Each structure stands twice: as structure tokens, then as C-alpha cells.
Amino acid sequence: MDDKGKPILSQLISLVGFVVYLWLVIPTHHRQSLQLRAWHAARVACRHAARVTGRSSMRVELSCGTRRYELPLALSLASDWCSRAYDRTRGFPV
């Protein structure tokens, strides 16, 4: 690695260490609240992306006849996975 990359790498390691330190200092109920917010935001983003790509895939299918539903399906499955992770974090049996 050249000399330019060393300061960036050391800053990145310091940042990761600081984030881990903050995560350990935060009380447990605040950590759980942050996790729930992150899972909810990820679920909403995946669900919206799945809806948008699904509509786009329908448009393509109606205009050309080609079926391309792999991405909307993957995004929908990711949304379901985020919902299950949210429930697990909240303490519901999944």
C-alpha cells in the first residue's frame, strides 16, 4: 500500500473503533430502538423499490412481452426478511 492509503486506512479503523465504542456505551433499550428503526427503514425502502420495479416490469411485459420479475421478487423477499428481523428484534417468535 502506498503512503496515501495509510492515513485513510488508519482513519477508517479509528472510525470503526469509535462506532463500536459508541454502540457498547449506548444503553440496551436505546440500542434496540435504533435496531428497530433501522429494520423498519430497510423494510420500507425494499418494499418501495419492489413496488416501483414491479410496475416497471409490468410496463416492459405489456410493451415487449418479455417477463423480468427477478428483481422485484428479490426486493420483496428482502422486505419480508427485514420484517422478520424486525419481529425477532422486538421479541416476537418468528
N, C-alpha and C. Protein backbone atom coordinates (compact mmCIF):
# COMPACT_ATOMS: atom_id res chain seq x y z
N MET A 1 0.85 -1.18 0.00
CA MET A 1 0.00 0.00 0.00
C MET A 1 0.89 1.24 0.00
N ASP A 2 0.50 2.24 -0.76
CA ASP A 2 1.31 3.45 -0.84
C ASP A 2 1.07 4.34 0.38
N ASP A 3 1.84 5.44 0.45
CA ASP A 3 1.76 6.33 1.60
C ASP A 3 0.42 7.07 1.67
N LYS A 4 -0.24 7.27 0.54
CA LYS A 4 -1.52 7.98 0.56
C LYS A 4 -2.61 7.14 1.19
N GLY A 5 -2.55 5.83 1.06
CA GLY A 5 -3.59 4.96 1.57
C GLY A 5 -3.51 4.72 3.07
N LYS A 6 -2.33 4.90 3.66
CA LYS A 6 -2.17 4.62 5.09
C LYS A 6 -2.98 5.55 5.98
N PRO A 7 -2.98 6.87 5.74
CA PRO A 7 -3.81 7.72 6.60
C PRO A 7 -5.31 7.41 6.45
N ILE A 8 -5.73 7.08 5.26
CA ILE A 8 -7.15 6.76 5.05
C ILE A 8 -7.50 5.48 5.79
N LEU A 9 -6.62 4.48 5.72
CA LEU A 9 -6.88 3.22 6.41
C LEU A 9 -6.88 3.42 7.92
N SER A 10 -5.97 4.21 8.43
CA SER A 10 -5.93 4.43 9.89
C SER A 10 -7.16 5.23 10.33
N GLN A 11 -7.62 6.18 9.52
CA GLN A 11 -8.83 6.92 9.86
C GLN A 11 -10.06 6.01 9.83
N LEU A 12 -10.09 5.10 8.87
CA LEU A 12 -11.21 4.18 8.77
C LEU A 12 -11.24 3.23 9.97
N ILE A 13 -10.08 2.74 10.39
CA ILE A 13 -10.01 1.88 11.56
C ILE A 13 -10.42 2.64 12.81
N SER A 14 -10.00 3.89 12.93
CA SER A 14 -10.40 4.71 14.06
C SER A 14 -11.90 4.95 14.08
N LEU A 15 -12.48 5.19 12.92
CA LEU A 15 -13.92 5.42 12.83
C LEU A 15 -14.70 4.17 13.23
N VAL A 16 -14.26 3.01 12.75
CA VAL A 16 -14.93 1.76 13.11
C VAL A 16 -14.81 1.52 14.61
N GLY A 17 -13.64 1.76 15.18
CA GLY A 17 -13.45 1.60 16.62
C GLY A 17 -14.34 2.54 17.41
N PHE A 18 -14.48 3.76 16.95
CA PHE A 18 -15.33 4.73 17.64
C PHE A 18 -16.79 4.33 17.57
N VAL A 19 -17.25 3.82 16.41
CA VAL A 19 -18.63 3.37 16.27
C VAL A 19 -18.90 2.18 17.19
N VAL A 20 -17.96 1.24 17.25
CA VAL A 20 -18.12 0.09 18.15
C VAL A 20 -18.17 0.56 19.60
N TYR A 21 -17.31 1.49 19.96
CA TYR A 21 -17.32 2.04 21.32
C TYR A 21 -18.66 2.69 21.64
N LEU A 22 -19.16 3.51 20.73
CA LEU A 22 -20.45 4.15 20.96
C LEU A 22 -21.57 3.12 21.09
N TRP A 23 -21.51 2.07 20.26
CA TRP A 23 -22.54 1.04 20.31
C TRP A 23 -22.54 0.34 21.67
N LEU A 24 -21.35 0.13 22.24
CA LEU A 24 -21.26 -0.55 23.52
C LEU A 24 -21.65 0.36 24.68
N VAL A 25 -21.50 1.67 24.52
CA VAL A 25 -21.82 2.61 25.58
C VAL A 25 -23.33 2.91 25.63
N ILE A 26 -24.00 2.80 24.50
CA ILE A 26 -25.43 3.11 24.44
C ILE A 26 -26.19 2.08 25.27
N PRO A 27 -27.15 2.52 26.08
CA PRO A 27 -27.94 1.56 26.86
C PRO A 27 -28.71 0.60 25.96
N THR A 28 -29.03 -0.57 26.50
CA THR A 28 -29.63 -1.64 25.72
C THR A 28 -30.95 -1.23 25.08
N HIS A 29 -31.81 -0.54 25.82
CA HIS A 29 -33.11 -0.17 25.25
C HIS A 29 -32.96 0.84 24.11
N HIS A 30 -31.94 1.69 24.16
CA HIS A 30 -31.69 2.60 23.05
C HIS A 30 -31.14 1.85 21.84
N ARG A 31 -30.28 0.86 22.10
CA ARG A 31 -29.76 0.03 21.01
C ARG A 31 -30.90 -0.69 20.30
N GLN A 32 -31.82 -1.26 21.08
CA GLN A 32 -32.94 -1.97 20.48
C GLN A 32 -33.80 -1.00 19.67
N SER A 33 -34.01 0.19 20.19
CA SER A 33 -34.79 1.19 19.46
C SER A 33 -34.12 1.56 18.13
N LEU A 34 -32.79 1.71 18.15
CA LEU A 34 -32.07 2.02 16.91
C LEU A 34 -32.16 0.86 15.91
N GLN A 35 -32.06 -0.37 16.42
CA GLN A 35 -32.18 -1.53 15.54
C GLN A 35 -33.57 -1.60 14.92
N LEU A 36 -34.60 -1.34 15.73
CA LEU A 36 -35.97 -1.38 15.20
C LEU A 36 -36.18 -0.32 14.13
N ARG A 37 -35.65 0.86 14.36
CA ARG A 37 -35.76 1.92 13.35
C ARG A 37 -35.04 1.55 12.06
N ALA A 38 -33.85 0.96 12.20
CA ALA A 38 -33.08 0.57 11.01
C ALA A 38 -33.81 -0.53 10.23
N TRP A 39 -34.34 -1.55 10.92
CA TRP A 39 -35.07 -2.61 10.23
C TRP A 39 -36.33 -2.07 9.56
N HIS A 40 -37.02 -1.16 10.23
CA HIS A 40 -38.23 -0.58 9.64
C HIS A 40 -37.89 0.24 8.39
N ALA A 41 -36.84 1.05 8.48
CA ALA A 41 -36.44 1.86 7.32
C ALA A 41 -36.01 0.98 6.16
N ALA A 42 -35.29 -0.09 6.44
CA ALA A 42 -34.87 -1.01 5.38
C ALA A 42 -36.09 -1.70 4.75
N ARG A 43 -37.06 -2.08 5.57
CA ARG A 43 -38.26 -2.73 5.06
C ARG A 43 -39.05 -1.79 4.16
N VAL A 44 -39.21 -0.56 4.60
CA VAL A 44 -39.94 0.43 3.80
C VAL A 44 -39.23 0.69 2.47
N ALA A 45 -37.90 0.82 2.52
CA ALA A 45 -37.14 1.07 1.29
C ALA A 45 -37.24 -0.11 0.33
N CYS A 46 -37.11 -1.34 0.85
CA CYS A 46 -37.21 -2.52 -0.01
C CYS A 46 -38.61 -2.66 -0.59
N ARG A 47 -39.62 -2.40 0.23
CA ARG A 47 -40.99 -2.52 -0.26
C ARG A 47 -41.28 -1.49 -1.35
N HIS A 48 -40.80 -0.26 -1.16
CA HIS A 48 -41.00 0.77 -2.18
C HIS A 48 -40.26 0.41 -3.46
N ALA A 49 -39.02 -0.03 -3.32
CA ALA A 49 -38.24 -0.41 -4.51
C ALA A 49 -38.88 -1.58 -5.24
N ALA A 50 -39.42 -2.55 -4.49
CA ALA A 50 -40.09 -3.69 -5.12
C ALA A 50 -41.33 -3.24 -5.88
N ARG A 51 -42.07 -2.31 -5.30
CA ARG A 51 -43.27 -1.80 -5.96
C ARG A 51 -42.91 -1.07 -7.25
N VAL A 52 -41.90 -0.23 -7.20
CA VAL A 52 -41.50 0.55 -8.37
C VAL A 52 -40.97 -0.36 -9.47
N THR A 53 -40.10 -1.29 -9.11
CA THR A 53 -39.55 -2.19 -10.13
C THR A 53 -40.60 -3.15 -10.66
N GLY A 54 -41.56 -3.54 -9.81
CA GLY A 54 -42.65 -4.40 -10.27
C GLY A 54 -43.51 -3.70 -11.31
N ARG A 55 -43.83 -2.45 -11.06
CA ARG A 55 -44.61 -1.68 -12.05
C ARG A 55 -43.84 -1.52 -13.35
N SER A 56 -42.55 -1.25 -13.22
CA SER A 56 -41.72 -1.11 -14.41
C SER A 56 -41.66 -2.43 -15.19
N SER A 57 -41.55 -3.53 -14.48
CA SER A 57 -41.51 -4.84 -15.15
C SER A 57 -42.83 -5.14 -15.85
N MET A 58 -43.94 -4.73 -15.24
CA MET A 58 -45.24 -4.91 -15.91
C MET A 58 -45.33 -4.09 -17.18
N ARG A 59 -44.82 -2.84 -17.11
CA ARG A 59 -44.82 -2.00 -18.30
C ARG A 59 -44.02 -2.63 -19.42
N VAL A 60 -42.85 -3.17 -19.08
CA VAL A 60 -41.99 -3.81 -20.09
C VAL A 60 -42.69 -5.05 -20.65
N GLU A 61 -43.34 -5.82 -19.79
CA GLU A 61 -44.03 -7.03 -20.26
C GLU A 61 -45.18 -6.67 -21.19
N LEU A 62 -45.92 -5.63 -20.86
CA LEU A 62 -47.05 -5.25 -21.71
C LEU A 62 -46.59 -4.67 -23.04
N SER A 63 -45.45 -3.99 -23.04
CA SER A 63 -44.99 -3.38 -24.29
C SER A 63 -44.19 -4.36 -25.16
N CYS A 64 -43.36 -5.20 -24.55
CA CYS A 64 -42.48 -6.09 -25.33
C CYS A 64 -42.85 -7.56 -25.24
N GLY A 65 -43.46 -7.92 -24.15
CA GLY A 65 -43.79 -9.33 -23.95
C GLY A 65 -42.74 -10.10 -23.17
N THR A 66 -41.62 -9.45 -22.81
CA THR A 66 -40.60 -10.15 -22.01
C THR A 66 -40.93 -10.02 -20.53
N ARG A 67 -40.74 -11.10 -19.82
CA ARG A 67 -41.05 -11.12 -18.39
C ARG A 67 -39.75 -11.00 -17.60
N ARG A 68 -39.65 -9.95 -16.81
CA ARG A 68 -38.47 -9.69 -15.99
C ARG A 68 -38.93 -9.37 -14.56
N TYR A 69 -39.17 -10.39 -13.77
CA TYR A 69 -39.65 -10.18 -12.41
C TYR A 69 -38.66 -10.64 -11.35
N GLU A 70 -37.41 -10.89 -11.72
CA GLU A 70 -36.43 -11.36 -10.75
C GLU A 70 -36.11 -10.30 -9.70
N LEU A 71 -35.88 -9.08 -10.13
CA LEU A 71 -35.52 -8.01 -9.20
C LEU A 71 -36.68 -7.66 -8.27
N PRO A 72 -37.91 -7.47 -8.77
CA PRO A 72 -39.00 -7.20 -7.84
C PRO A 72 -39.20 -8.34 -6.83
N LEU A 73 -39.04 -9.57 -7.27
CA LEU A 73 -39.17 -10.70 -6.36
C LEU A 73 -38.09 -10.67 -5.29
N ALA A 74 -36.85 -10.41 -5.70
CA ALA A 74 -35.74 -10.35 -4.74
C ALA A 74 -35.96 -9.22 -3.73
N LEU A 75 -36.43 -8.08 -4.19
CA LEU A 75 -36.68 -6.96 -3.28
C LEU A 75 -37.84 -7.26 -2.34
N SER A 76 -38.85 -7.95 -2.84
CA SER A 76 -39.96 -8.34 -1.98
C SER A 76 -39.52 -9.33 -0.91
N LEU A 77 -38.67 -10.28 -1.30
CA LEU A 77 -38.14 -11.23 -0.32
C LEU A 77 -37.25 -10.53 0.71
N ALA A 78 -36.50 -9.53 0.27
CA ALA A 78 -35.68 -8.75 1.20
C ALA A 78 -36.56 -7.98 2.18
N SER A 79 -37.68 -7.45 1.69
CA SER A 79 -38.61 -6.75 2.56
C SER A 79 -39.20 -7.70 3.61
N ASP A 80 -39.55 -8.92 3.17
CA ASP A 80 -40.07 -9.91 4.12
C ASP A 80 -39.01 -10.29 5.14
N TRP A 81 -37.76 -10.41 4.70
CA TRP A 81 -36.67 -10.74 5.61
C TRP A 81 -36.48 -9.64 6.65
N CYS A 82 -36.58 -8.37 6.21
CA CYS A 82 -36.46 -7.25 7.14
C CYS A 82 -37.62 -7.25 8.14
N SER A 83 -38.81 -7.62 7.69
CA SER A 83 -39.95 -7.71 8.61
C SER A 83 -39.72 -8.78 9.66
N ARG A 84 -39.19 -9.94 9.25
CA ARG A 84 -38.90 -11.00 10.22
C ARG A 84 -37.81 -10.57 11.19
N ALA A 85 -36.79 -9.88 10.69
CA ALA A 85 -35.72 -9.39 11.57
C ALA A 85 -36.26 -8.36 12.56
N TYR A 86 -37.18 -7.52 12.11
CA TYR A 86 -37.83 -6.54 13.00
C TYR A 86 -38.58 -7.27 14.11
N ASP A 87 -39.33 -8.29 13.73
CA ASP A 87 -40.09 -9.05 14.73
C ASP A 87 -39.17 -9.78 15.70
N ARG A 88 -38.07 -10.35 15.20
CA ARG A 88 -37.11 -11.01 16.08
C ARG A 88 -36.50 -10.03 17.06
N THR A 89 -36.15 -8.84 16.57
CA THR A 89 -35.56 -7.82 17.44
C THR A 89 -36.56 -7.37 18.50
N ARG A 90 -37.81 -7.31 18.11
CA ARG A 90 -38.86 -6.87 19.03
C ARG A 90 -39.20 -7.95 20.05
N GLY A 91 -38.88 -9.20 19.73
CA GLY A 91 -39.10 -10.27 20.69
C GLY A 91 -40.24 -11.19 20.32
N PHE A 92 -40.83 -11.01 19.13
CA PHE A 92 -41.91 -11.90 18.70
C PHE A 92 -41.32 -13.18 18.17
N PRO A 93 -41.95 -14.32 18.45
CA PRO A 93 -41.45 -15.56 17.84
C PRO A 93 -41.72 -15.58 16.35
N VAL A 94 -40.73 -16.00 15.59
CA VAL A 94 -40.86 -16.00 14.13
C VAL A 94 -40.86 -17.43 13.64
